[in-house]
Amino acid sequence: MRSPKIAKVLNLVLKLLILVVSYGYIYFRLVRSGSLETAWQGFVERSAGTEFWLLLSLMLVLMLLNWSLEALKWRYVLRRIERIGFVTALKAVLAGVTVSS
């Protein structure tokens, strides 16, 4: 059986590995393929209008609403097993979103 200290270290190593792999993937997809400059120019062109910022704001609000509803759902599902707070449930949902991508 693993000790809690080893489990924490393994958890940290796993998080760092996911971070490095994610950044490595983005680097090789954008920088190495030469499409970083093209992607940046497209972003600058699209972000000039107010429609872009309205859609971006709407998207962010809907994402937060979705994650909050998901956290409430998990809180409701787990209520008979363990009482958890909304913040804890939200952290779990965000961790799941991070790992699943």
PDB file of N, CA and C in Angstrom:
ATOM      1  N   MET A   1       0.834  -1.180   0.000  1.00  0.00           N
ATOM      2  CA  MET A   1       0.000   0.000   0.000  1.00  0.00           C
ATOM      3  C   MET A   1       0.884   1.249   0.000  1.00  0.00           C
ATOM      4  N   ARG A   2       0.522   2.220  -0.806  1.00  0.00           N
ATOM      5  CA  ARG A   2       1.319   3.442  -0.919  1.00  0.00           C
ATOM      6  C   ARG A   2       1.045   4.378   0.245  1.00  0.00           C
ATOM      7  N   SER A   3       2.097   5.067   0.615  1.00  0.00           N
ATOM      8  CA  SER A   3       1.922   6.067   1.660  1.00  0.00           C
ATOM      9  C   SER A   3       1.363   7.346   1.031  1.00  0.00           C
ATOM     10  N   PRO A   4       0.703   8.185   1.824  1.00  0.00           N
ATOM     11  CA  PRO A   4       0.154   9.436   1.286  1.00  0.00           C
ATOM     12  C   PRO A   4       1.217  10.348   0.690  1.00  0.00           C
ATOM     13  N   LYS A   5       2.422  10.296   1.241  1.00  0.00           N
ATOM     14  CA  LYS A   5       3.496  11.141   0.730  1.00  0.00           C
ATOM     15  C   LYS A   5       3.893  10.714  -0.681  1.00  0.00           C
ATOM     16  N   ILE A   6       3.987   9.414  -0.921  1.00  0.00           N
ATOM     17  CA  ILE A   6       4.330   8.913  -2.253  1.00  0.00           C
ATOM     18  C   ILE A   6       3.211   9.239  -3.237  1.00  0.00           C
ATOM     19  N   ALA A   7       1.969   9.117  -2.782  1.00  0.00           N
ATOM     20  CA  ALA A   7       0.833   9.427  -3.643  1.00  0.00           C
ATOM     21  C   ALA A   7       0.840  10.895  -4.053  1.00  0.00           C
ATOM     22  N   LYS A   8       1.195  11.787  -3.144  1.00  0.00           N
ATOM     23  CA  LYS A   8       1.263  13.214  -3.465  1.00  0.00           C
ATOM     24  C   LYS A   8       2.363  13.497  -4.481  1.00  0.00           C
ATOM     25  N   VAL A   9       3.498  12.844  -4.308  1.00  0.00           N
ATOM     26  CA  VAL A   9       4.611  13.041  -5.239  1.00  0.00           C
ATOM     27  C   VAL A   9       4.227  12.520  -6.621  1.00  0.00           C
ATOM     28  N   LEU A  10       3.611  11.337  -6.676  1.00  0.00           N
ATOM     29  CA  LEU A  10       3.179  10.790  -7.960  1.00  0.00           C
ATOM     30  C   LEU A  10       2.130  11.683  -8.623  1.00  0.00           C
ATOM     31  N   ASN A  11       1.238  12.244  -7.833  1.00  0.00           N
ATOM     32  CA  ASN A  11       0.227  13.150  -8.358  1.00  0.00           C
ATOM     33  C   ASN A  11       0.891  14.394  -8.952  1.00  0.00           C
ATOM     34  N   LEU A  12       1.866  14.948  -8.255  1.00  0.00           N
ATOM     35  CA  LEU A  12       2.587  16.119  -8.745  1.00  0.00           C
ATOM     36  C   LEU A  12       3.341  15.788 -10.029  1.00  0.00           C
ATOM     37  N   VAL A  13       3.998  14.649 -10.066  1.00  0.00           N
ATOM     38  CA  VAL A  13       4.739  14.237 -11.259  1.00  0.00           C
ATOM     39  C   VAL A  13       3.785  14.077 -12.441  1.00  0.00           C
ATOM     40  N   LEU A  14       2.626  13.483 -12.204  1.00  0.00           N
ATOM     41  CA  LEU A  14       1.636  13.305 -13.263  1.00  0.00           C
ATOM     42  C   LEU A  14       1.143  14.652 -13.785  1.00  0.00           C
ATOM     43  N   LYS A  15       0.881  15.586 -12.893  1.00  0.00           N
ATOM     44  CA  LYS A  15       0.435  16.924 -13.312  1.00  0.00           C
ATOM     45  C   LYS A  15       1.510  17.620 -14.142  1.00  0.00           C
ATOM     46  N   LEU A  16       2.748  17.533 -13.700  1.00  0.00           N
ATOM     47  CA  LEU A  16       3.838  18.162 -14.450  1.00  0.00           C
ATOM     48  C   LEU A  16       4.022  17.504 -15.814  1.00  0.00           C
ATOM     49  N   LEU A  17       3.883  16.181 -15.863  1.00  0.00           N
ATOM     50  CA  LEU A  17       3.997  15.465 -17.130  1.00  0.00           C
ATOM     51  C   LEU A  17       2.898  15.900 -18.096  1.00  0.00           C
ATOM     52  N   ILE A  18       1.671  16.033 -17.597  1.00  0.00           N
ATOM     53  CA  ILE A  18       0.563  16.492 -18.443  1.00  0.00           C
ATOM     54  C   ILE A  18       0.836  17.903 -18.949  1.00  0.00           C
ATOM     55  N   LEU A  19       1.351  18.766 -18.096  1.00  0.00           N
ATOM     56  CA  LEU A  19       1.672  20.139 -18.486  1.00  0.00           C
ATOM     57  C   LEU A  19       2.744  20.164 -19.572  1.00  0.00           C
ATOM     58  N   VAL A  20       3.810  19.407 -19.390  1.00  0.00           N
ATOM     59  CA  VAL A  20       4.908  19.395 -20.356  1.00  0.00           C
ATOM     60  C   VAL A  20       4.446  18.818 -21.691  1.00  0.00           C
ATOM     61  N   VAL A  21       3.692  17.739 -21.651  1.00  0.00           N
ATOM     62  CA  VAL A  21       3.196  17.122 -22.891  1.00  0.00           C
ATOM     63  C   VAL A  21       2.245  18.076 -23.611  1.00  0.00           C
ATOM     64  N   SER A  22       1.393  18.766 -22.864  1.00  0.00           N
ATOM     65  CA  SER A  22       0.456  19.711 -23.477  1.00  0.00           C
ATOM     66  C   SER A  22       1.199  20.851 -24.175  1.00  0.00           C
ATOM     67  N   TYR A  23       2.133  21.458 -23.479  1.00  0.00           N
ATOM     68  CA  TYR A  23       2.900  22.539 -24.088  1.00  0.00           C
ATOM     69  C   TYR A  23       3.752  22.038 -25.248  1.00  0.00           C
ATOM     70  N   GLY A  24       4.293  20.845 -25.121  1.00  0.00           N
ATOM     71  CA  GLY A  24       5.065  20.265 -26.216  1.00  0.00           C
ATOM     72  C   GLY A  24       4.213  20.051 -27.451  1.00  0.00           C
ATOM     73  N   TYR A  25       2.999  19.565 -27.257  1.00  0.00           N
ATOM     74  CA  TYR A  25       2.077  19.348 -28.370  1.00  0.00           C
ATOM     75  C   TYR A  25       1.753  20.668 -29.056  1.00  0.00           C
ATOM     76  N   ILE A  26       1.439  21.692 -28.278  1.00  0.00           N
ATOM     77  CA  ILE A  26       1.129  23.007 -28.849  1.00  0.00           C
ATOM     78  C   ILE A  26       2.341  23.558 -29.593  1.00  0.00           C
ATOM     79  N   TYR A  27       3.514  23.403 -29.014  1.00  0.00           N
ATOM     80  CA  TYR A  27       4.735  23.904 -29.646  1.00  0.00           C
ATOM     81  C   TYR A  27       4.949  23.242 -31.003  1.00  0.00           C
ATOM     82  N   PHE A  28       4.866  21.917 -31.032  1.00  0.00           N
ATOM     83  CA  PHE A  28       5.135  21.225 -32.290  1.00  0.00           C
ATOM     84  C   PHE A  28       4.041  21.466 -33.327  1.00  0.00           C
ATOM     85  N   ARG A  29       2.804  21.638 -32.888  1.00  0.00           N
ATOM     86  CA  ARG A  29       1.716  21.887 -33.838  1.00  0.00           C
ATOM     87  C   ARG A  29       1.786  23.289 -34.426  1.00  0.00           C
ATOM     88  N   LEU A  30       2.186  24.265 -33.644  1.00  0.00           N
ATOM     89  CA  LEU A  30       2.183  25.648 -34.127  1.00  0.00           C
ATOM     90  C   LEU A  30       3.549  26.129 -34.594  1.00  0.00           C
ATOM     91  N   VAL A  31       4.539  25.994 -33.759  1.00  0.00           N
ATOM     92  CA  VAL A  31       5.846  26.577 -34.069  1.00  0.00           C
ATOM     93  C   VAL A  31       6.586  25.749 -35.114  1.00  0.00           C
ATOM     94  N   ARG A  32       6.665  24.466 -34.913  1.00  0.00           N
ATOM     95  CA  ARG A  32       7.421  23.621 -35.841  1.00  0.00           C
ATOM     96  C   ARG A  32       6.774  23.522 -37.221  1.00  0.00           C
ATOM     97  N   SER A  33       5.463  23.590 -37.281  1.00  0.00           N
ATOM     98  CA  SER A  33       4.793  23.490 -38.581  1.00  0.00           C
ATOM     99  C   SER A  33       4.786  24.821 -39.320  1.00  0.00           C
ATOM    100  N   GLY A  34       5.196  25.897 -38.664  1.00  0.00           N
ATOM    101  CA  GLY A  34       5.260  27.198 -39.302  1.00  0.00           C
ATOM    102  C   GLY A  34       3.921  27.906 -39.375  1.00  0.00           C
ATOM    103  N   SER A  35       2.919  27.392 -38.684  1.00  0.00           N
ATOM    104  CA  SER A  35       1.599  28.007 -38.788  1.00  0.00           C
ATOM    105  C   SER A  35       1.304  28.947 -37.627  1.00  0.00           C
ATOM    106  N   LEU A  36       2.259  29.193 -36.758  1.00  0.00           N
ATOM    107  CA  LEU A  36       2.041  30.095 -35.636  1.00  0.00           C
ATOM    108  C   LEU A  36       1.773  31.513 -36.126  1.00  0.00           C
ATOM    109  N   GLU A  37       2.561  31.961 -37.068  1.00  0.00           N
ATOM    110  CA  GLU A  37       2.385  33.310 -37.598  1.00  0.00           C
ATOM    111  C   GLU A  37       1.030  33.447 -38.299  1.00  0.00           C
ATOM    112  N   THR A  38       0.637  32.446 -39.053  1.00  0.00           N
ATOM    113  CA  THR A  38      -0.656  32.459 -39.740  1.00  0.00           C
ATOM    114  C   THR A  38      -1.799  32.463 -38.730  1.00  0.00           C
ATOM    115  N   ALA A  39      -1.681  31.646 -37.679  1.00  0.00           N
ATOM    116  CA  ALA A  39      -2.714  31.590 -36.647  1.00  0.00           C
ATOM    117  C   ALA A  39      -2.822  32.925 -35.923  1.00  0.00           C
ATOM    118  N   TRP A  40      -1.692  33.547 -35.626  1.00  0.00           N
ATOM    119  CA  TRP A  40      -1.699  34.835 -34.922  1.00  0.00           C
ATOM    120  C   TRP A  40      -2.330  35.925 -35.794  1.00  0.00           C
ATOM    121  N   GLN A  41      -2.006  35.956 -37.078  1.00  0.00           N
ATOM    122  CA  GLN A  41      -2.594  36.939 -37.978  1.00  0.00           C
ATOM    123  C   GLN A  41      -4.109  36.752 -38.072  1.00  0.00           C
ATOM    124  N   GLY A  42      -4.560  35.523 -38.141  1.00  0.00           N
ATOM    125  CA  GLY A  42      -5.994  35.250 -38.186  1.00  0.00           C
ATOM    126  C   GLY A  42      -6.690  35.700 -36.913  1.00  0.00           C
ATOM    127  N   PHE A  43      -6.040  35.474 -35.781  1.00  0.00           N
ATOM    128  CA  PHE A  43      -6.609  35.908 -34.501  1.00  0.00           C
ATOM    129  C   PHE A  43      -6.712  37.423 -34.436  1.00  0.00           C
ATOM    130  N   VAL A  44      -5.663  38.117 -34.853  1.00  0.00           N
ATOM    131  CA  VAL A  44      -5.658  39.585 -34.809  1.00  0.00           C
ATOM    132  C   VAL A  44      -6.745  40.146 -35.718  1.00  0.00           C
ATOM    133  N   GLU A  45      -6.903  39.564 -36.895  1.00  0.00           N
ATOM    134  CA  GLU A  45      -7.929  40.043 -37.829  1.00  0.00           C
ATOM    135  C   GLU A  45      -9.333  39.845 -37.265  1.00  0.00           C
ATOM    136  N   ARG A  46      -9.564  38.692 -36.663  1.00  0.00           N
ATOM    137  CA  ARG A  46     -10.901  38.383 -36.146  1.00  0.00           C
ATOM    138  C   ARG A  46     -11.222  39.143 -34.862  1.00  0.00           C
ATOM    139  N   SER A  47     -10.206  39.451 -34.079  1.00  0.00           N
ATOM    140  CA  SER A  47     -10.451  40.096 -32.788  1.00  0.00           C
ATOM    141  C   SER A  47     -10.651  41.606 -32.897  1.00  0.00           C
ATOM    142  N   ALA A  48     -10.591  42.146 -34.095  1.00  0.00           N
ATOM    143  CA  ALA A  48     -10.740  43.592 -34.260  1.00  0.00           C
ATOM    144  C   ALA A  48     -12.190  44.043 -34.071  1.00  0.00           C
ATOM    145  N   GLY A  49     -13.162  43.186 -34.369  1.00  0.00           N
ATOM    146  CA  GLY A  49     -14.563  43.591 -34.292  1.00  0.00           C
ATOM    147  C   GLY A  49     -15.181  43.326 -32.930  1.00  0.00           C
ATOM    148  N   THR A  50     -16.279  44.021 -32.670  1.00  0.00           N
ATOM    149  CA  THR A  50     -16.976  43.841 -31.382  1.00  0.00           C
ATOM    150  C   THR A  50     -17.704  42.508 -31.328  1.00  0.00           C
ATOM    151  N   GLU A  51     -18.091  41.972 -32.486  1.00  0.00           N
ATOM    152  CA  GLU A  51     -18.789  40.680 -32.511  1.00  0.00           C
ATOM    153  C   GLU A  51     -17.919  39.575 -31.898  1.00  0.00           C
ATOM    154  N   PHE A  52     -16.629  39.623 -32.185  1.00  0.00           N
ATOM    155  CA  PHE A  52     -15.705  38.629 -31.637  1.00  0.00           C
ATOM    156  C   PHE A  52     -15.714  38.660 -30.119  1.00  0.00           C
ATOM    157  N   TRP A  53     -15.643  39.855 -29.547  1.00  0.00           N
ATOM    158  CA  TRP A  53     -15.578  39.986 -28.090  1.00  0.00           C
ATOM    159  C   TRP A  53     -16.899  39.608 -27.438  1.00  0.00           C
ATOM    160  N   LEU A  54     -18.006  39.910 -28.105  1.00  0.00           N
ATOM    161  CA  LEU A  54     -19.308  39.496 -27.578  1.00  0.00           C
ATOM    162  C   LEU A  54     -19.435  37.973 -27.568  1.00  0.00           C
ATOM    163  N   LEU A  55     -19.034  37.333 -28.661  1.00  0.00           N
ATOM    164  CA  LEU A  55     -19.092  35.876 -28.722  1.00  0.00           C
ATOM    165  C   LEU A  55     -18.134  35.231 -27.728  1.00  0.00           C
ATOM    166  N   LEU A  56     -16.955  35.804 -27.580  1.00  0.00           N
ATOM    167  CA  LEU A  56     -15.991  35.281 -26.615  1.00  0.00           C
ATOM    168  C   LEU A  56     -16.531  35.400 -25.192  1.00  0.00           C
ATOM    169  N   SER A  57     -17.141  36.534 -24.871  1.00  0.00           N
ATOM    170  CA  SER A  57     -17.731  36.725 -23.537  1.00  0.00           C
ATOM    171  C   SER A  57     -18.872  35.747 -23.298  1.00  0.00           C
ATOM    172  N   LEU A  58     -19.726  35.577 -24.303  1.00  0.00           N
ATOM    173  CA  LEU A  58     -20.828  34.626 -24.183  1.00  0.00           C
ATOM    174  C   LEU A  58     -20.307  33.206 -23.983  1.00  0.00           C
ATOM    175  N   MET A  59     -19.276  32.855 -24.720  1.00  0.00           N
ATOM    176  CA  MET A  59     -18.685  31.531 -24.591  1.00  0.00           C
ATOM    177  C   MET A  59     -18.135  31.302 -23.177  1.00  0.00           C
ATOM    178  N   LEU A  60     -17.444  32.284 -22.634  1.00  0.00           N
ATOM    179  CA  LEU A  60     -16.886  32.152 -21.293  1.00  0.00           C
ATOM    180  C   LEU A  60     -17.977  32.023 -20.233  1.00  0.00           C
ATOM    181  N   VAL A  61     -19.036  32.808 -20.368  1.00  0.00           N
ATOM    182  CA  VAL A  61     -20.148  32.730 -19.421  1.00  0.00           C
ATOM    183  C   VAL A  61     -20.820  31.361 -19.501  1.00  0.00           C
ATOM    184  N   LEU A  62     -21.040  30.867 -20.716  1.00  0.00           N
ATOM    185  CA  LEU A  62     -21.682  29.557 -20.880  1.00  0.00           C
ATOM    186  C   LEU A  62     -20.786  28.413 -20.386  1.00  0.00           C
ATOM    187  N   MET A  63     -19.471  28.563 -20.558  1.00  0.00           N
ATOM    188  CA  MET A  63     -18.555  27.543 -20.028  1.00  0.00           C
ATOM    189  C   MET A  63     -18.633  27.499 -18.504  1.00  0.00           C
ATOM    190  N   LEU A  64     -18.612  28.662 -17.872  1.00  0.00           N
ATOM    191  CA  LEU A  64     -18.708  28.714 -16.412  1.00  0.00           C
ATOM    192  C   LEU A  64     -20.045  28.152 -15.932  1.00  0.00           C
ATOM    193  N   LEU A  65     -21.113  28.462 -16.634  1.00  0.00           N
ATOM    194  CA  LEU A  65     -22.428  27.919 -16.286  1.00  0.00           C
ATOM    195  C   LEU A  65     -22.443  26.407 -16.429  1.00  0.00           C
ATOM    196  N   ASN A  66     -21.882  25.898 -17.509  1.00  0.00           N
ATOM    197  CA  ASN A  66     -21.837  24.462 -17.738  1.00  0.00           C
ATOM    198  C   ASN A  66     -21.051  23.753 -16.639  1.00  0.00           C
ATOM    199  N   TRP A  67     -19.885  24.268 -16.310  1.00  0.00           N
ATOM    200  CA  TRP A  67     -19.073  23.647 -15.266  1.00  0.00           C
ATOM    201  C   TRP A  67     -19.743  23.747 -13.903  1.00  0.00           C
ATOM    202  N   SER A  68     -20.433  24.841 -13.646  1.00  0.00           N
ATOM    203  CA  SER A  68     -21.149  24.983 -12.374  1.00  0.00           C
ATOM    204  C   SER A  68     -22.295  23.996 -12.275  1.00  0.00           C
ATOM    205  N   LEU A  69     -23.042  23.833 -13.355  1.00  0.00           N
ATOM    206  CA  LEU A  69     -24.129  22.841 -13.357  1.00  0.00           C
ATOM    207  C   LEU A  69     -23.584  21.422 -13.208  1.00  0.00           C
ATOM    208  N   GLU A  70     -22.469  21.168 -13.828  1.00  0.00           N
ATOM    209  CA  GLU A  70     -21.824  19.853 -13.702  1.00  0.00           C
ATOM    210  C   GLU A  70     -21.387  19.607 -12.254  1.00  0.00           C
ATOM    211  N   ALA A  71     -20.854  20.629 -11.608  1.00  0.00           N
ATOM    212  CA  ALA A  71     -20.444  20.507 -10.207  1.00  0.00           C
ATOM    213  C   ALA A  71     -21.656  20.264  -9.315  1.00  0.00           C
ATOM    214  N   LEU A  72     -22.753  20.969  -9.567  1.00  0.00           N
ATOM    215  CA  LEU A  72     -23.982  20.742  -8.794  1.00  0.00           C
ATOM    216  C   LEU A  72     -24.510  19.327  -9.006  1.00  0.00           C
ATOM    217  N   LYS A  73     -24.398  18.844 -10.241  1.00  0.00           N
ATOM    218  CA  LYS A  73     -24.840  17.482 -10.533  1.00  0.00           C
ATOM    219  C   LYS A  73     -24.035  16.467  -9.720  1.00  0.00           C
ATOM    220  N   TRP A  74     -22.713  16.602  -9.735  1.00  0.00           N
ATOM    221  CA  TRP A  74     -21.869  15.662  -9.000  1.00  0.00           C
ATOM    222  C   TRP A  74     -22.091  15.776  -7.498  1.00  0.00           C
ATOM    223  N   ARG A  75     -22.321  16.970  -7.043  1.00  0.00           N
ATOM    224  CA  ARG A  75     -22.612  17.170  -5.622  1.00  0.00           C
ATOM    225  C   ARG A  75     -23.898  16.441  -5.232  1.00  0.00           C
ATOM    226  N   TYR A  76     -24.896  16.514  -6.106  1.00  0.00           N
ATOM    227  CA  TYR A  76     -26.173  15.843  -5.878  1.00  0.00           C
ATOM    228  C   TYR A  76     -26.011  14.324  -5.932  1.00  0.00           C
ATOM    229  N   VAL A  77     -25.251  13.841  -6.908  1.00  0.00           N
ATOM    230  CA  VAL A  77     -25.056  12.397  -7.067  1.00  0.00           C
ATOM    231  C   VAL A  77     -24.318  11.807  -5.868  1.00  0.00           C
ATOM    232  N   LEU A  78     -23.351  12.531  -5.342  1.00  0.00           N
ATOM    233  CA  LEU A  78     -22.521  12.016  -4.248  1.00  0.00           C
ATOM    234  C   LEU A  78     -23.086  12.282  -2.859  1.00  0.00           C
ATOM    235  N   ARG A  79     -24.217  12.922  -2.767  1.00  0.00           N
ATOM    236  CA  ARG A  79     -24.727  13.362  -1.465  1.00  0.00           C
ATOM    237  C   ARG A  79     -24.931  12.213  -0.484  1.00  0.00           C
ATOM    238  N   ARG A  80     -25.269  11.012  -0.950  1.00  0.00           N
ATOM    239  CA  ARG A  80     -25.485   9.872  -0.039  1.00  0.00           C
ATOM    240  C   ARG A  80     -24.175   9.202   0.366  1.00  0.00           C
ATOM    241  N   ILE A  81     -23.159   9.376  -0.430  1.00  0.00           N
ATOM    242  CA  ILE A  81     -21.869   8.754  -0.135  1.00  0.00           C
ATOM    243  C   ILE A  81     -21.006   9.688   0.700  1.00  0.00           C
ATOM    244  N   GLU A  82     -20.917  10.933   0.247  1.00  0.00           N
ATOM    245  CA  GLU A  82     -20.072  11.909   0.938  1.00  0.00           C
ATOM    246  C   GLU A  82     -20.586  13.315   0.658  1.00  0.00           C
ATOM    247  N   ARG A  83     -20.621  14.127   1.671  1.00  0.00           N
ATOM    248  CA  ARG A  83     -21.017  15.526   1.515  1.00  0.00           C
ATOM    249  C   ARG A  83     -19.799  16.318   1.050  1.00  0.00           C
ATOM    250  N   ILE A  84     -19.933  16.965  -0.080  1.00  0.00           N
ATOM    251  CA  ILE A  84     -18.846  17.802  -0.573  1.00  0.00           C
ATOM    252  C   ILE A  84     -19.403  19.184  -0.861  1.00  0.00           C
ATOM    253  N   GLY A  85     -18.556  20.163  -0.766  1.00  0.00           N
ATOM    254  CA  GLY A  85     -18.956  21.541  -1.043  1.00  0.00           C
ATOM    255  C   GLY A  85     -18.929  21.830  -2.535  1.00  0.00           C
ATOM    256  N   PHE A  86     -19.535  22.927  -2.903  1.00  0.00           N
ATOM    257  CA  PHE A  86     -19.586  23.311  -4.313  1.00  0.00           C
ATOM    258  C   PHE A  86     -18.187  23.541  -4.873  1.00  0.00           C
ATOM    259  N   VAL A  87     -17.327  24.191  -4.109  1.00  0.00           N
ATOM    260  CA  VAL A  87     -15.965  24.485  -4.587  1.00  0.00           C
ATOM    261  C   VAL A  87     -15.192  23.195  -4.833  1.00  0.00           C
ATOM    262  N   THR A  88     -15.344  22.225  -3.941  1.00  0.00           N
ATOM    263  CA  THR A  88     -14.676  20.933  -4.116  1.00  0.00           C
ATOM    264  C   THR A  88     -15.190  20.231  -5.363  1.00  0.00           C
ATOM    265  N   ALA A  89     -16.511  20.247  -5.558  1.00  0.00           N
ATOM    266  CA  ALA A  89     -17.092  19.629  -6.747  1.00  0.00           C
ATOM    267  C   ALA A  89     -16.631  20.344  -8.016  1.00  0.00           C
ATOM    268  N   LEU A  90     -16.534  21.660  -7.972  1.00  0.00           N
ATOM    269  CA  LEU A  90     -16.086  22.421  -9.125  1.00  0.00           C
ATOM    270  C   LEU A  90     -14.621  22.108  -9.434  1.00  0.00           C
ATOM    271  N   LYS A  91     -13.790  21.985  -8.414  1.00  0.00           N
ATOM    272  CA  LYS A  91     -12.395  21.612  -8.628  1.00  0.00           C
ATOM    273  C   LYS A  91     -12.294  20.243  -9.294  1.00  0.00           C
ATOM    274  N   ALA A  92     -13.131  19.307  -8.867  1.00  0.00           N
ATOM    275  CA  ALA A  92     -13.130  17.975  -9.461  1.00  0.00           C
ATOM    276  C   ALA A  92     -13.550  18.020 -10.927  1.00  0.00           C
ATOM    277  N   VAL A  93     -14.546  18.817 -11.224  1.00  0.00           N
ATOM    278  CA  VAL A  93     -15.005  18.963 -12.612  1.00  0.00           C
ATOM    279  C   VAL A  93     -13.903  19.574 -13.468  1.00  0.00           C
ATOM    280  N   LEU A  94     -13.257  20.614 -12.972  1.00  0.00           N
ATOM    281  CA  LEU A  94     -12.181  21.263 -13.737  1.00  0.00           C
ATOM    282  C   LEU A  94     -10.989  20.320 -13.907  1.00  0.00           C
ATOM    283  N   ALA A  95     -10.705  19.504 -12.889  1.00  0.00           N
ATOM    284  CA  ALA A  95      -9.637  18.510 -13.030  1.00  0.00           C
ATOM    285  C   ALA A  95     -10.001  17.487 -14.099  1.00  0.00           C
ATOM    286  N   GLY A  96     -11.254  17.073 -14.119  1.00  0.00           N
ATOM    287  CA  GLY A  96     -11.703  16.137 -15.136  1.00  0.00           C
ATOM    288  C   GLY A  96     -11.611  16.722 -16.538  1.00  0.00           C
ATOM    289  N   VAL A  97     -11.962  17.984 -16.673  1.00  0.00           N
ATOM    290  CA  VAL A  97     -11.858  18.652 -17.977  1.00  0.00           C
ATOM    291  C   VAL A  97     -10.402  18.724 -18.408  1.00  0.00           C
ATOM    292  N   THR A  98      -9.514  19.011 -17.482  1.00  0.00           N
ATOM    293  CA  THR A  98      -8.091  19.108 -17.794  1.00  0.00           C
ATOM    294  C   THR A  98      -7.513  17.772 -18.243  1.00  0.00           C
ATOM    295  N   VAL A  99      -7.831  16.725 -17.523  1.00  0.00           N
ATOM    296  CA  VAL A  99      -7.270  15.408 -17.818  1.00  0.00           C
ATOM    297  C   VAL A  99      -7.866  14.815 -19.080  1.00  0.00           C
ATOM    298  N   SER A 100      -9.138  15.076 -19.345  1.00  0.00           N
ATOM    299  CA  SER A 100      -9.803  14.435 -20.480  1.00  0.00           C
ATOM    300  C   SER A 100      -9.414  15.030 -21.816  1.00  0.00           C
ATOM    301  N   SER A 101      -8.819  16.207 -21.837  1.00  0.00           N
ATOM    302  CA  SER A 101      -8.514  16.847 -23.124  1.00  0.00           C
ATOM    303  C   SER A 101      -7.351  16.232 -23.822  1.00  0.00           C
TER     304      SER A 101
END
